[in-house]
Each structure stands twice: as structure tokens, then as C-alpha cells.
Amino acid sequence: MEERDAIEESKFFRVKRPREEGGGERFQRILKKTVRVTFGLLLLFFLLFTGHRVYLHLLEDPFFRVREVEVEGNQKIPREALLSLAGLEEVSNLFSLRLKEVARRLASHPWVEEVEVRKVFPSKVRIKIEERRPVAILQLEELYYIDAAGLIFSPVGERDEYNYPVLTGLTREALEKEPVETKRLIAKALELLRILEKERVFPPEEISEIHMERIYGIRCFTKTQGIEVRMGWEEFGEKLRRLSVIWSDLKRRGVSAVSIDCSDVKRMVVKKASS
């Protein structure tokens, strides 16, 4: 009895073995996979071929030929100079235009600080320039524009009209042999210009010259009266605030000064002009 029950129970709990796949079914599965892969490759090839043909057609389509170049932001740099650097006359189509290459050529101009080049379909190129802003002119053997960061970026042209203070007291030889120290002196002169702009004792455009001396520091000369102002190397802000009081008092009393020594912030000396 027990043996019969065991036989009947085994009918319900018998482990089913996987059916062995026949050779024909395996072949059909491989064939289907091969067909799918082949179809995918053919579709990819077709898309690439079609895309390439479309691209070649666009390159030759006169509708996308460069017909207009818009230049923004240039004041010092002539438009013709920028167009010459951009080399757009060599480009016949917007699709063949390489923006990075055009921007790199434009950025090689010493007056260009930032540049952006964009395509405006169907036939325009837009160039946006941000020019460097000089804050002074550095006198070496020649005159050079210098910006607020201390970058000496372009010689002053013979016909240039400018209204910047001239930094004097340095030489090209000193710049080459002692670049760290020379740049430190220049940085101090530019620091004084920034504080002058903030304190407004007299506007920076009223300063004709800033002379740098390693031992005695900075000397400024005003344009209108040619007054020499000795500033030393440190505490420019406090010195200028005290100088503002002295300057106002001299104007109030109608007294002309030849020089004002602010080297010592605690003891400023005014040399009056002889009557």
C-alpha cells in the first residue's frame, strides 16, 4: 500500500527535465539573430551614407554661403583688421566654418581680450569682441599700453590719442633681468591708480605721470599745475584720505603748492610755490 502511494506521489513531484533543443530549432534561432544584426548594420550604413550625401549637398548649396559678417564691440580695432584676421573670405559655406579656428585667429590680436563667434543661419556670421581696457601707459624704451591686471599688451601708435597716466622709472633691461621685482613695482603703481579712482582726491586722468623708485617709492605729477606728490610704497588709502583734507584746505586758502610729501602718513609736508 505504501509502495503504491509512493509511486502515485512521484507522479506529482517528478522533476521535469528540460527538453533538448533540436538542431533545426537552434539553426532557426541563429538565423533570426543574424538577420537582425545584418539588417541593423545595413540600416546604419544607409543612414551614414545618406547623411554624408546630405552634408555634401549642404556644403555646395549657395543658400548657406556666407554673405554677411556682423562685428560688435570693437572700438579701437578697425573692422577691416578683424575681418582680415578671421579669414572668412576663404570660407564659402556656413557648414564648413570652424568657429574655434576663427576665434583663435581673432584672439591673437593684442587688443582682443575675449571673442565670441557664432553662425546665424542661413548666411550670417556674428563676431562679438571685448577689447582690453588700458589704464596706463608704461614707458620703457618705447610706450606700451598696460591694463588693470598688469598685462603689457600693445605698443602705443604714433597717431594714437590717449589720456592715461604714464608709468616711468623702469627699463626693458630691468623687466627682462628682474621680472618679479619689476612687476611688483608696476603692481604697486596700478594699486595706487585703483585707490585714486575710489578716493577721488583728484581723478586719475588728472595724473600725468607716476614715477617708480625702488628706494623712495612712488611720485605722482598732476597735469594742470605739475604738483609733485610723494606717496612712498604703502598705505595709499590712508595717505590719500589725508591728502584730500590738505588739498581742500589749499584750495580754500588759494595757496599753490609745488610738492606734497606723503611718504610718512603721520607727517605730511607741503612745499608752497614762491609768490
C-alpha atoms as a PDB file:
ATOM      1  CA  MET A   1       0.000   0.000   0.000  1.00  0.00           C
ATOM      2  CA  GLU A   2       2.733   2.371   0.985  1.00  0.00           C
ATOM      3  CA  GLU A   3       4.654   1.480  -2.148  1.00  0.00           C
ATOM      4  CA  ARG A   4       1.651   2.361  -4.313  1.00  0.00           C
ATOM      5  CA  ASP A   5       1.190   5.679  -2.572  1.00  0.00           C
ATOM      6  CA  ALA A   6       4.850   6.492  -3.158  1.00  0.00           C
ATOM      7  CA  ILE A   7       4.529   5.708  -6.860  1.00  0.00           C
ATOM      8  CA  GLU A   8       1.426   7.921  -7.185  1.00  0.00           C
ATOM      9  CA  GLU A   9       3.130  10.754  -5.264  1.00  0.00           C
ATOM     10  CA  SER A  10       6.124  10.595  -7.543  1.00  0.00           C
ATOM     11  CA  LYS A  11       3.841  11.331 -10.493  1.00  0.00           C
ATOM     12  CA  PHE A  12       3.062  14.763  -8.997  1.00  0.00           C
ATOM     13  CA  PHE A  13       6.560  15.697  -7.780  1.00  0.00           C
ATOM     14  CA  ARG A  14       8.631  14.330 -10.612  1.00  0.00           C
ATOM     15  CA  VAL A  15      11.286  16.856 -11.692  1.00  0.00           C
ATOM     16  CA  LYS A  16      10.779  17.936 -15.264  1.00  0.00           C
ATOM     17  CA  ARG A  17      13.891  17.794 -17.345  1.00  0.00           C
ATOM     18  CA  PRO A  18      14.416  20.495 -19.967  1.00  0.00           C
ATOM     19  CA  ARG A  19      13.588  19.367 -23.392  1.00  0.00           C
ATOM     20  CA  GLU A  20      16.627  19.037 -25.534  1.00  0.00           C
ATOM     21  CA  GLU A  21      16.688  21.575 -28.363  1.00  0.00           C
ATOM     22  CA  GLY A  22      16.769  20.093 -31.783  1.00  0.00           C
ATOM     23  CA  GLY A  23      19.309  21.084 -34.427  1.00  0.00           C
ATOM     24  CA  GLY A  24      16.656  22.695 -36.631  1.00  0.00           C
ATOM     25  CA  GLU A  25      15.347  24.966 -33.886  1.00  0.00           C
ATOM     26  CA  ARG A  26      18.855  26.099 -32.920  1.00  0.00           C
ATOM     27  CA  PHE A  27      19.633  26.912 -36.567  1.00  0.00           C
ATOM     28  CA  GLN A  28      16.458  28.982 -36.896  1.00  0.00           C
ATOM     29  CA  ARG A  29      17.312  30.976 -33.765  1.00  0.00           C
ATOM     30  CA  ILE A  30      20.831  31.757 -35.001  1.00  0.00           C
ATOM     31  CA  LEU A  31      19.469  32.672 -38.424  1.00  0.00           C
ATOM     32  CA  LYS A  32      16.963  35.131 -36.953  1.00  0.00           C
ATOM     33  CA  LYS A  33      19.666  36.779 -34.864  1.00  0.00           C
ATOM     34  CA  THR A  34      21.967  37.030 -37.874  1.00  0.00           C
ATOM     35  CA  VAL A  35      19.212  38.613 -39.948  1.00  0.00           C
ATOM     36  CA  ARG A  36      18.510  41.193 -37.236  1.00  0.00           C
ATOM     37  CA  VAL A  37      22.180  42.132 -36.904  1.00  0.00           C
ATOM     38  CA  THR A  38      22.624  42.321 -40.672  1.00  0.00           C
ATOM     39  CA  PHE A  39      19.535  44.496 -41.043  1.00  0.00           C
ATOM     40  CA  GLY A  40      20.779  46.822 -38.288  1.00  0.00           C
ATOM     41  CA  LEU A  41      24.160  47.183 -39.966  1.00  0.00           C
ATOM     42  CA  LEU A  42      22.573  47.858 -43.337  1.00  0.00           C
ATOM     43  CA  LEU A  43      20.298  50.488 -41.782  1.00  0.00           C
ATOM     44  CA  LEU A  44      23.264  52.138 -40.065  1.00  0.00           C
ATOM     45  CA  PHE A  45      25.246  52.163 -43.302  1.00  0.00           C
ATOM     46  CA  PHE A  46      22.276  53.627 -45.166  1.00  0.00           C
ATOM     47  CA  LEU A  47      21.864  56.400 -42.601  1.00  0.00           C
ATOM     48  CA  LEU A  48      25.582  57.240 -42.660  1.00  0.00           C
ATOM     49  CA  PHE A  49      25.655  57.249 -46.450  1.00  0.00           C
ATOM     50  CA  THR A  50      22.534  59.397 -46.677  1.00  0.00           C
ATOM     51  CA  GLY A  51      23.817  61.796 -44.006  1.00  0.00           C
ATOM     52  CA  HIS A  52      27.135  62.157 -45.820  1.00  0.00           C
ATOM     53  CA  ARG A  53      25.387  62.876 -49.109  1.00  0.00           C
ATOM     54  CA  VAL A  54      23.131  65.440 -47.442  1.00  0.00           C
ATOM     55  CA  TYR A  55      26.159  67.104 -45.799  1.00  0.00           C
ATOM     56  CA  LEU A  56      28.000  67.331 -49.137  1.00  0.00           C
ATOM     57  CA  HIS A  57      24.902  68.806 -50.711  1.00  0.00           C
ATOM     58  CA  LEU A  58      24.654  71.453 -47.949  1.00  0.00           C
ATOM     59  CA  LEU A  59      28.326  72.362 -48.423  1.00  0.00           C
ATOM     60  CA  GLU A  60      27.650  73.124 -52.081  1.00  0.00           C
ATOM     61  CA  ASP A  61      24.281  74.792 -51.559  1.00  0.00           C
ATOM     62  CA  PRO A  62      24.615  78.553 -52.313  1.00  0.00           C
ATOM     63  CA  PHE A  63      21.741  79.243 -49.888  1.00  0.00           C
ATOM     64  CA  PHE A  64      24.173  78.755 -46.965  1.00  0.00           C
ATOM     65  CA  ARG A  65      27.010  80.802 -48.444  1.00  0.00           C
ATOM     66  CA  VAL A  66      28.469  83.438 -46.060  1.00  0.00           C
ATOM     67  CA  ARG A  67      27.045  86.752 -47.236  1.00  0.00           C
ATOM     68  CA  GLU A  68      27.124  88.922 -44.125  1.00  0.00           C
ATOM     69  CA  VAL A  69      29.547  89.387 -41.219  1.00  0.00           C
ATOM     70  CA  GLU A  70      28.350  91.321 -38.177  1.00  0.00           C
ATOM     71  CA  VAL A  71      31.038  92.717 -35.848  1.00  0.00           C
ATOM     72  CA  GLU A  72      30.192  94.052 -32.370  1.00  0.00           C
ATOM     73  CA  GLY A  73      32.216  95.588 -29.544  1.00  0.00           C
ATOM     74  CA  ASN A  74      35.227  96.888 -31.479  1.00  0.00           C
ATOM     75  CA  GLN A  75      36.213 100.490 -30.823  1.00  0.00           C
ATOM     76  CA  LYS A  76      39.994 100.528 -31.040  1.00  0.00           C
ATOM     77  CA  ILE A  77      40.355  97.698 -33.568  1.00  0.00           C
ATOM     78  CA  PRO A  78      39.272  98.534 -37.141  1.00  0.00           C
ATOM     79  CA  ARG A  79      36.610  96.256 -38.575  1.00  0.00           C
ATOM     80  CA  GLU A  80      38.817  95.531 -41.610  1.00  0.00           C
ATOM     81  CA  ALA A  81      41.610  94.251 -39.343  1.00  0.00           C
ATOM     82  CA  LEU A  82      39.227  91.844 -37.618  1.00  0.00           C
ATOM     83  CA  LEU A  83      37.808  90.567 -40.900  1.00  0.00           C
ATOM     84  CA  SER A  84      41.311  90.027 -42.227  1.00  0.00           C
ATOM     85  CA  LEU A  85      42.258  88.011 -39.128  1.00  0.00           C
ATOM     86  CA  ALA A  86      39.044  85.983 -39.256  1.00  0.00           C
ATOM     87  CA  GLY A  87      39.807  84.852 -42.813  1.00  0.00           C
ATOM     88  CA  LEU A  88      36.141  84.435 -43.675  1.00  0.00           C
ATOM     89  CA  GLU A  89      36.729  85.222 -47.326  1.00  0.00           C
ATOM     90  CA  GLU A  90      38.243  81.754 -47.602  1.00  0.00           C
ATOM     91  CA  VAL A  91      35.036  80.149 -46.267  1.00  0.00           C
ATOM     92  CA  SER A  92      32.298  79.624 -48.825  1.00  0.00           C
ATOM     93  CA  ASN A  93      29.687  77.998 -46.617  1.00  0.00           C
ATOM     94  CA  LEU A  94      28.486  78.162 -43.001  1.00  0.00           C
ATOM     95  CA  PHE A  95      28.703  74.389 -42.652  1.00  0.00           C
ATOM     96  CA  SER A  96      32.419  74.435 -43.439  1.00  0.00           C
ATOM     97  CA  LEU A  97      33.123  77.262 -40.980  1.00  0.00           C
ATOM     98  CA  ARG A  98      35.204  76.221 -37.946  1.00  0.00           C
ATOM     99  CA  LEU A  99      34.256  78.571 -35.138  1.00  0.00           C
ATOM    100  CA  LYS A 100      37.135  77.656 -32.813  1.00  0.00           C
ATOM    101  CA  GLU A 101      39.702  78.305 -35.517  1.00  0.00           C
ATOM    102  CA  VAL A 102      38.206  81.712 -36.363  1.00  0.00           C
ATOM    103  CA  ALA A 103      38.039  82.651 -32.652  1.00  0.00           C
ATOM    104  CA  ARG A 104      41.678  81.575 -32.165  1.00  0.00           C
ATOM    105  CA  ARG A 105      42.845  83.823 -35.007  1.00  0.00           C
ATOM    106  CA  LEU A 106      40.863  86.783 -33.691  1.00  0.00           C
ATOM    107  CA  ALA A 107      42.185  86.264 -30.156  1.00  0.00           C
ATOM    108  CA  SER A 108      45.750  86.651 -31.463  1.00  0.00           C
ATOM    109  CA  HIS A 109      45.144  90.405 -31.833  1.00  0.00           C
ATOM    110  CA  PRO A 110      46.766  92.171 -28.835  1.00  0.00           C
ATOM    111  CA  TRP A 111      43.695  94.338 -28.188  1.00  0.00           C
ATOM    112  CA  VAL A 112      41.270  91.394 -28.070  1.00  0.00           C
ATOM    113  CA  GLU A 113      40.543  90.163 -24.537  1.00  0.00           C
ATOM    114  CA  GLU A 114      37.540  87.939 -25.301  1.00  0.00           C
ATOM    115  CA  VAL A 115      35.874  86.902 -28.537  1.00  0.00           C
ATOM    116  CA  GLU A 116      32.723  85.011 -29.456  1.00  0.00           C
ATOM    117  CA  VAL A 117      31.942  83.757 -32.979  1.00  0.00           C
ATOM    118  CA  ARG A 118      28.502  82.413 -33.895  1.00  0.00           C
ATOM    119  CA  LYS A 119      26.769  81.123 -37.010  1.00  0.00           C
ATOM    120  CA  VAL A 120      23.437  82.735 -37.818  1.00  0.00           C
ATOM    121  CA  PHE A 121      21.713  80.642 -40.449  1.00  0.00           C
ATOM    122  CA  PRO A 122      21.283  80.781 -43.298  1.00  0.00           C
ATOM    123  CA  SER A 123      24.114  83.156 -44.305  1.00  0.00           C
ATOM    124  CA  LYS A 124      25.467  85.322 -41.467  1.00  0.00           C
ATOM    125  CA  VAL A 125      28.472  85.190 -39.108  1.00  0.00           C
ATOM    126  CA  ARG A 126      28.340  87.212 -35.886  1.00  0.00           C
ATOM    127  CA  ILE A 127      31.591  88.274 -34.175  1.00  0.00           C
ATOM    128  CA  LYS A 128      31.441  89.792 -30.703  1.00  0.00           C
ATOM    129  CA  ILE A 129      34.631  91.381 -29.373  1.00  0.00           C
ATOM    130  CA  GLU A 130      35.589  92.564 -25.899  1.00  0.00           C
ATOM    131  CA  GLU A 131      38.629  94.781 -26.131  1.00  0.00           C
ATOM    132  CA  ARG A 132      41.292  95.205 -23.489  1.00  0.00           C
ATOM    133  CA  ARG A 133      40.963  98.364 -21.439  1.00  0.00           C
ATOM    134  CA  PRO A 134      44.246 100.198 -20.812  1.00  0.00           C
ATOM    135  CA  VAL A 135      44.551 102.049 -17.506  1.00  0.00           C
ATOM    136  CA  ALA A 136      48.028 103.472 -18.038  1.00  0.00           C
ATOM    137  CA  ILE A 137      50.952 103.674 -20.433  1.00  0.00           C
ATOM    138  CA  LEU A 138      54.255 102.090 -19.473  1.00  0.00           C
ATOM    139  CA  GLN A 139      57.400 103.830 -20.622  1.00  0.00           C
ATOM    140  CA  LEU A 140      60.285 101.525 -21.391  1.00  0.00           C
ATOM    141  CA  GLU A 141      62.384 102.402 -24.427  1.00  0.00           C
ATOM    142  CA  GLU A 142      59.011 102.794 -26.130  1.00  0.00           C
ATOM    143  CA  LEU A 143      55.482 103.411 -24.851  1.00  0.00           C
ATOM    144  CA  TYR A 144      53.155 100.455 -24.200  1.00  0.00           C
ATOM    145  CA  TYR A 145      49.541 100.131 -23.125  1.00  0.00           C
ATOM    146  CA  ILE A 146      49.024  98.253 -19.864  1.00  0.00           C
ATOM    147  CA  ASP A 147      45.739  97.004 -18.404  1.00  0.00           C
ATOM    148  CA  ALA A 148      44.476  96.766 -14.806  1.00  0.00           C
ATOM    149  CA  ALA A 149      45.937  93.260 -14.423  1.00  0.00           C
ATOM    150  CA  GLY A 150      49.436  94.488 -15.310  1.00  0.00           C
ATOM    151  CA  LEU A 151      49.442  92.961 -18.800  1.00  0.00           C
ATOM    152  CA  ILE A 152      51.615  94.912 -21.258  1.00  0.00           C
ATOM    153  CA  PHE A 153      49.724  94.160 -24.439  1.00  0.00           C
ATOM    154  CA  SER A 154      50.395  96.653 -27.231  1.00  0.00           C
ATOM    155  CA  PRO A 155      52.781  99.463 -28.225  1.00  0.00           C
ATOM    156  CA  VAL A 156      51.314 102.951 -28.465  1.00  0.00           C
ATOM    157  CA  GLY A 157      50.858 104.023 -32.075  1.00  0.00           C
ATOM    158  CA  GLU A 158      52.280 107.263 -33.386  1.00  0.00           C
ATOM    159  CA  ARG A 159      48.802 108.612 -34.147  1.00  0.00           C
ATOM    160  CA  ASP A 160      47.125 107.280 -31.005  1.00  0.00           C
ATOM    161  CA  GLU A 161      45.288 109.805 -28.880  1.00  0.00           C
ATOM    162  CA  TYR A 162      45.295 108.831 -25.229  1.00  0.00           C
ATOM    163  CA  ASN A 163      44.573 110.262 -21.807  1.00  0.00           C
ATOM    164  CA  TYR A 164      46.276 107.822 -19.445  1.00  0.00           C
ATOM    165  CA  PRO A 165      48.956 108.380 -16.808  1.00  0.00           C
ATOM    166  CA  VAL A 166      52.445 107.362 -17.868  1.00  0.00           C
ATOM    167  CA  LEU A 167      54.357 104.922 -15.650  1.00  0.00           C
ATOM    168  CA  THR A 168      58.052 105.822 -15.638  1.00  0.00           C
ATOM    169  CA  GLY A 169      61.237 104.742 -13.854  1.00  0.00           C
ATOM    170  CA  LEU A 170      61.616 101.268 -15.413  1.00  0.00           C
ATOM    171  CA  THR A 171      63.608  99.906 -18.339  1.00  0.00           C
ATOM    172  CA  ARG A 172      63.226  96.962 -20.658  1.00  0.00           C
ATOM    173  CA  GLU A 173      66.504  95.581 -19.303  1.00  0.00           C
ATOM    174  CA  ALA A 174      65.123  95.611 -15.752  1.00  0.00           C
ATOM    175  CA  LEU A 175      61.950  93.891 -16.944  1.00  0.00           C
ATOM    176  CA  GLU A 176      63.981  91.124 -18.577  1.00  0.00           C
ATOM    177  CA  LYS A 177      66.579  90.634 -15.826  1.00  0.00           C
ATOM    178  CA  GLU A 178      64.363  91.136 -12.779  1.00  0.00           C
ATOM    179  CA  PRO A 179      60.832  90.383 -13.951  1.00  0.00           C
ATOM    180  CA  VAL A 180      59.421  89.570 -10.480  1.00  0.00           C
ATOM    181  CA  GLU A 181      60.648  92.781  -8.851  1.00  0.00           C
ATOM    182  CA  THR A 182      59.736  94.922 -11.850  1.00  0.00           C
ATOM    183  CA  LYS A 183      56.208  93.516 -11.976  1.00  0.00           C
ATOM    184  CA  ARG A 184      55.884  94.173  -8.240  1.00  0.00           C
ATOM    185  CA  LEU A 185      56.672  97.852  -8.809  1.00  0.00           C
ATOM    186  CA  ILE A 186      54.154  98.011 -11.638  1.00  0.00           C
ATOM    187  CA  ALA A 187      51.528  96.324  -9.452  1.00  0.00           C
ATOM    188  CA  LYS A 188      52.064  98.980  -6.773  1.00  0.00           C
ATOM    189  CA  ALA A 189      51.585 101.774  -9.305  1.00  0.00           C
ATOM    190  CA  LEU A 190      48.366 100.157 -10.548  1.00  0.00           C
ATOM    191  CA  GLU A 191      47.205  99.722  -6.940  1.00  0.00           C
ATOM    192  CA  LEU A 192      47.638 103.452  -6.428  1.00  0.00           C
ATOM    193  CA  LEU A 193      45.573 104.140  -9.571  1.00  0.00           C
ATOM    194  CA  ARG A 194      42.741 101.918  -8.307  1.00  0.00           C
ATOM    195  CA  ILE A 195      42.682 103.699  -4.932  1.00  0.00           C
ATOM    196  CA  LEU A 196      42.843 107.087  -6.636  1.00  0.00           C
ATOM    197  CA  GLU A 197      39.744 106.144  -8.604  1.00  0.00           C
ATOM    198  CA  LYS A 198      37.995 105.192  -5.369  1.00  0.00           C
ATOM    199  CA  GLU A 199      39.062 108.114  -3.181  1.00  0.00           C
ATOM    200  CA  ARG A 200      38.720 110.764  -5.918  1.00  0.00           C
ATOM    201  CA  VAL A 201      41.222 113.182  -4.348  1.00  0.00           C
ATOM    202  CA  PHE A 202      41.912 114.066  -7.928  1.00  0.00           C
ATOM    203  CA  PRO A 203      40.769 111.931 -10.866  1.00  0.00           C
ATOM    204  CA  PRO A 204      43.316 109.502 -12.370  1.00  0.00           C
ATOM    205  CA  GLU A 205      43.015 111.359 -15.684  1.00  0.00           C
ATOM    206  CA  GLU A 206      44.477 114.397 -13.891  1.00  0.00           C
ATOM    207  CA  ILE A 207      47.668 112.424 -13.187  1.00  0.00           C
ATOM    208  CA  SER A 208      50.210 112.930 -15.946  1.00  0.00           C
ATOM    209  CA  GLU A 209      52.966 110.680 -14.578  1.00  0.00           C
ATOM    210  CA  ILE A 210      53.593 108.034 -11.929  1.00  0.00           C
ATOM    211  CA  HIS A 211      57.305 107.594 -11.332  1.00  0.00           C
ATOM    212  CA  MET A 212      58.556 104.443  -9.569  1.00  0.00           C
ATOM    213  CA  GLU A 213      61.749 104.349  -7.490  1.00  0.00           C
ATOM    214  CA  ARG A 214      62.797 101.291  -5.510  1.00  0.00           C
ATOM    215  CA  ILE A 215      64.105 103.247  -2.515  1.00  0.00           C
ATOM    216  CA  TYR A 216      61.847 106.285  -2.302  1.00  0.00           C
ATOM    217  CA  GLY A 217      58.649 104.815  -3.698  1.00  0.00           C
ATOM    218  CA  ILE A 218      56.088 106.404  -5.997  1.00  0.00           C
ATOM    219  CA  ARG A 219      55.925 110.030  -7.086  1.00  0.00           C
ATOM    220  CA  CYS A 220      52.881 111.419  -8.909  1.00  0.00           C
ATOM    221  CA  PHE A 221      52.723 114.559 -11.029  1.00  0.00           C
ATOM    222  CA  THR A 222      49.482 116.393 -11.776  1.00  0.00           C
ATOM    223  CA  LYS A 223      48.690 117.701 -15.249  1.00  0.00           C
ATOM    224  CA  THR A 224      47.343 121.169 -14.686  1.00  0.00           C
ATOM    225  CA  GLN A 225      49.751 122.506 -12.056  1.00  0.00           C
ATOM    226  CA  GLY A 226      52.531 119.948 -12.254  1.00  0.00           C
ATOM    227  CA  ILE A 227      52.453 119.344  -8.497  1.00  0.00           C
ATOM    228  CA  GLU A 228      54.682 116.514  -7.275  1.00  0.00           C
ATOM    229  CA  VAL A 229      53.061 114.188  -4.738  1.00  0.00           C
ATOM    230  CA  ARG A 230      55.309 111.664  -2.984  1.00  0.00           C
ATOM    231  CA  MET A 231      53.394 108.531  -1.949  1.00  0.00           C
ATOM    232  CA  GLY A 232      56.031 106.028  -0.800  1.00  0.00           C
ATOM    233  CA  TRP A 233      55.063 102.356  -1.201  1.00  0.00           C
ATOM    234  CA  GLU A 234      52.402 101.640   1.409  1.00  0.00           C
ATOM    235  CA  GLU A 235      49.148 102.881   2.991  1.00  0.00           C
ATOM    236  CA  PHE A 236      47.911 104.592  -0.158  1.00  0.00           C
ATOM    237  CA  GLY A 237      44.306 104.730   1.028  1.00  0.00           C
ATOM    238  CA  GLU A 238      45.037 106.500   4.320  1.00  0.00           C
ATOM    239  CA  LYS A 239      47.531 108.853   2.686  1.00  0.00           C
ATOM    240  CA  LEU A 240      45.035 109.860   0.015  1.00  0.00           C
ATOM    241  CA  ARG A 241      42.308 110.492   2.575  1.00  0.00           C
ATOM    242  CA  ARG A 242      44.604 112.836   4.498  1.00  0.00           C
ATOM    243  CA  LEU A 243      45.831 114.375   1.269  1.00  0.00           C
ATOM    244  CA  SER A 244      42.206 115.158   0.401  1.00  0.00           C
ATOM    245  CA  VAL A 245      41.938 117.333   3.533  1.00  0.00           C
ATOM    246  CA  ILE A 246      45.192 119.135   2.716  1.00  0.00           C
ATOM    247  CA  TRP A 247      44.150 119.610  -0.907  1.00  0.00           C
ATOM    248  CA  SER A 248      40.797 121.126   0.088  1.00  0.00           C
ATOM    249  CA  ASP A 249      42.492 123.470   2.572  1.00  0.00           C
ATOM    250  CA  LEU A 250      44.996 124.674  -0.043  1.00  0.00           C
ATOM    251  CA  LYS A 251      42.169 125.415  -2.470  1.00  0.00           C
ATOM    252  CA  ARG A 252      40.152 127.213   0.212  1.00  0.00           C
ATOM    253  CA  ARG A 253      43.082 129.476   1.076  1.00  0.00           C
ATOM    254  CA  GLY A 254      44.137 129.955  -2.545  1.00  0.00           C
ATOM    255  CA  VAL A 255      47.599 128.571  -1.872  1.00  0.00           C
ATOM    256  CA  SER A 256      49.591 126.939  -4.673  1.00  0.00           C
ATOM    257  CA  ALA A 257      51.884 124.040  -3.852  1.00  0.00           C
ATOM    258  CA  VAL A 258      54.998 122.823  -5.606  1.00  0.00           C
ATOM    259  CA  SER A 259      55.083 119.431  -3.890  1.00  0.00           C
ATOM    260  CA  ILE A 260      53.367 117.436  -1.167  1.00  0.00           C
ATOM    261  CA  ASP A 261      55.341 114.729   0.604  1.00  0.00           C
ATOM    262  CA  CYS A 262      53.014 111.954   1.833  1.00  0.00           C
ATOM    263  CA  SER A 263      55.762 109.356   2.328  1.00  0.00           C
ATOM    264  CA  ASP A 264      55.174 109.441   6.089  1.00  0.00           C
ATOM    265  CA  VAL A 265      51.447 109.136   6.778  1.00  0.00           C
ATOM    266  CA  LYS A 266      51.900 110.804  10.191  1.00  0.00           C
ATOM    267  CA  ARG A 267      53.820 113.811   8.894  1.00  0.00           C
ATOM    268  CA  MET A 268      52.879 115.243   5.528  1.00  0.00           C
ATOM    269  CA  VAL A 269      54.932 118.161   4.240  1.00  0.00           C
ATOM    270  CA  VAL A 270      53.641 120.798   1.806  1.00  0.00           C
ATOM    271  CA  LYS A 271      56.102 122.927  -0.146  1.00  0.00           C
ATOM    272  CA  LYS A 272      54.366 126.113  -1.238  1.00  0.00           C
ATOM    273  CA  ALA A 273      55.042 127.848  -4.507  1.00  0.00           C
ATOM    274  CA  SER A 274      57.020 131.082  -4.174  1.00  0.00           C
ATOM    275  CA  SER A 275      54.864 134.161  -4.626  1.00  0.00           C
END
